[in-house]
């Protein structure tokens, strides 16, 4: 039987990785996506719930600086 080979690179613990590396969006990125999607949502109940989530997030700094 062959001997086990050492890993090719060091192990990275997921809990030590930045959120962006984990595939999570930052609150500002979520706000940007909701701003893009909200005008297209026709279901009033869904729109109201997503708008409440959007309103609970911090303002999108990039949009504030550009406008």
C-alpha atoms as a PDB file:
ATOM      1  CA  UNK A   1       0.000   0.000   0.000  1.00  0.00           C
ATOM      2  CA  UNK A   2       1.231   3.490  -0.856  1.00  0.00           C
ATOM      3  CA  UNK A   3       2.123   5.965   1.863  1.00  0.00           C
ATOM      4  CA  UNK A   4      -0.346   8.908   2.213  1.00  0.00           C
ATOM      5  CA  UNK A   5       0.895  12.042   0.495  1.00  0.00           C
ATOM      6  CA  UNK A   6       1.036  15.363   2.365  1.00  0.00           C
ATOM      7  CA  UNK A   7      -1.408  18.042   1.192  1.00  0.00           C
ATOM      8  CA  UNK A   8      -0.255  20.261  -1.660  1.00  0.00           C
ATOM      9  CA  UNK A   9      -1.018  23.419   0.328  1.00  0.00           C
ATOM     10  CA  UNK A  10      -1.722  24.480   3.873  1.00  0.00           C
ATOM     11  CA  UNK A  11      -5.217  23.933   5.209  1.00  0.00           C
ATOM     12  CA  UNK A  12      -7.418  27.006   5.574  1.00  0.00           C
ATOM     13  CA  UNK A  13     -10.057  26.917   8.261  1.00  0.00           C
ATOM     14  CA  UNK A  14     -13.353  28.293   7.000  1.00  0.00           C
ATOM     15  CA  UNK A  15     -14.007  30.144  10.246  1.00  0.00           C
ATOM     16  CA  UNK A  16     -10.774  32.112   9.710  1.00  0.00           C
ATOM     17  CA  UNK A  17     -11.648  33.205   6.174  1.00  0.00           C
ATOM     18  CA  UNK A  18     -13.147  36.618   5.403  1.00  0.00           C
ATOM     19  CA  UNK A  19     -16.865  36.557   4.586  1.00  0.00           C
ATOM     20  CA  UNK A  20     -16.229  37.390   0.919  1.00  0.00           C
ATOM     21  CA  UNK A  21     -14.093  34.281   0.557  1.00  0.00           C
ATOM     22  CA  UNK A  22     -16.906  32.189   1.995  1.00  0.00           C
ATOM     23  CA  UNK A  23     -19.287  33.414  -0.657  1.00  0.00           C
ATOM     24  CA  UNK A  24     -21.302  35.681   1.640  1.00  0.00           C
ATOM     25  CA  UNK A  25     -22.321  39.145   0.550  1.00  0.00           C
ATOM     26  CA  UNK A  26     -21.625  42.153   2.726  1.00  0.00           C
ATOM     27  CA  UNK A  27     -24.614  44.223   3.932  1.00  0.00           C
ATOM     28  CA  UNK A  28     -23.759  46.884   1.324  1.00  0.00           C
ATOM     29  CA  UNK A  29     -23.716  44.267  -1.452  1.00  0.00           C
ATOM     30  CA  UNK A  30     -27.078  42.892  -0.294  1.00  0.00           C
ATOM     31  CA  UNK A  31     -28.480  46.435  -0.277  1.00  0.00           C
ATOM     32  CA  UNK A  32     -27.235  46.990  -3.829  1.00  0.00           C
ATOM     33  CA  UNK A  33     -28.845  43.764  -5.035  1.00  0.00           C
ATOM     34  CA  UNK A  34     -32.139  44.597  -3.324  1.00  0.00           C
ATOM     35  CA  UNK A  35     -32.089  48.094  -4.857  1.00  0.00           C
ATOM     36  CA  UNK A  36     -31.703  46.444  -8.249  1.00  0.00           C
ATOM     37  CA  UNK A  37     -34.457  43.864  -7.671  1.00  0.00           C
ATOM     38  CA  UNK A  38     -37.135  45.799  -5.762  1.00  0.00           C
ATOM     39  CA  UNK A  39     -38.480  47.788  -8.752  1.00  0.00           C
ATOM     40  CA  UNK A  40     -39.142  44.512 -10.614  1.00  0.00           C
ATOM     41  CA  UNK A  41     -41.107  42.749  -7.848  1.00  0.00           C
ATOM     42  CA  UNK A  42     -44.854  42.852  -8.526  1.00  0.00           C
ATOM     43  CA  UNK A  43     -46.044  40.802  -5.532  1.00  0.00           C
ATOM     44  CA  UNK A  44     -47.009  43.407  -2.920  1.00  0.00           C
ATOM     45  CA  UNK A  45     -46.411  41.180   0.118  1.00  0.00           C
ATOM     46  CA  UNK A  46     -42.992  40.032  -1.102  1.00  0.00           C
ATOM     47  CA  UNK A  47     -42.050  43.588  -2.053  1.00  0.00           C
ATOM     48  CA  UNK A  48     -43.031  44.863   1.400  1.00  0.00           C
ATOM     49  CA  UNK A  49     -40.984  42.188   3.186  1.00  0.00           C
ATOM     50  CA  UNK A  50     -37.889  42.736   1.028  1.00  0.00           C
ATOM     51  CA  UNK A  51     -38.245  46.536   1.357  1.00  0.00           C
ATOM     52  CA  UNK A  52     -38.284  46.152   5.149  1.00  0.00           C
ATOM     53  CA  UNK A  53     -35.095  44.091   4.948  1.00  0.00           C
ATOM     54  CA  UNK A  54     -33.530  46.695   2.637  1.00  0.00           C
ATOM     55  CA  UNK A  55     -34.503  49.509   4.993  1.00  0.00           C
ATOM     56  CA  UNK A  56     -32.825  47.699   7.895  1.00  0.00           C
ATOM     57  CA  UNK A  57     -29.471  47.602   6.081  1.00  0.00           C
ATOM     58  CA  UNK A  58     -26.957  50.450   6.171  1.00  0.00           C
ATOM     59  CA  UNK A  59     -27.107  52.850   3.238  1.00  0.00           C
ATOM     60  CA  UNK A  60     -25.153  51.919   0.142  1.00  0.00           C
ATOM     61  CA  UNK A  61     -22.066  54.170   0.450  1.00  0.00           C
ATOM     62  CA  UNK A  62     -21.043  53.728  -3.191  1.00  0.00           C
ATOM     63  CA  UNK A  63     -24.420  54.998  -4.399  1.00  0.00           C
ATOM     64  CA  UNK A  64     -24.296  57.943  -1.962  1.00  0.00           C
ATOM     65  CA  UNK A  65     -20.847  58.974  -3.198  1.00  0.00           C
ATOM     66  CA  UNK A  66     -21.806  58.687  -6.876  1.00  0.00           C
ATOM     67  CA  UNK A  67     -25.061  60.640  -6.579  1.00  0.00           C
END
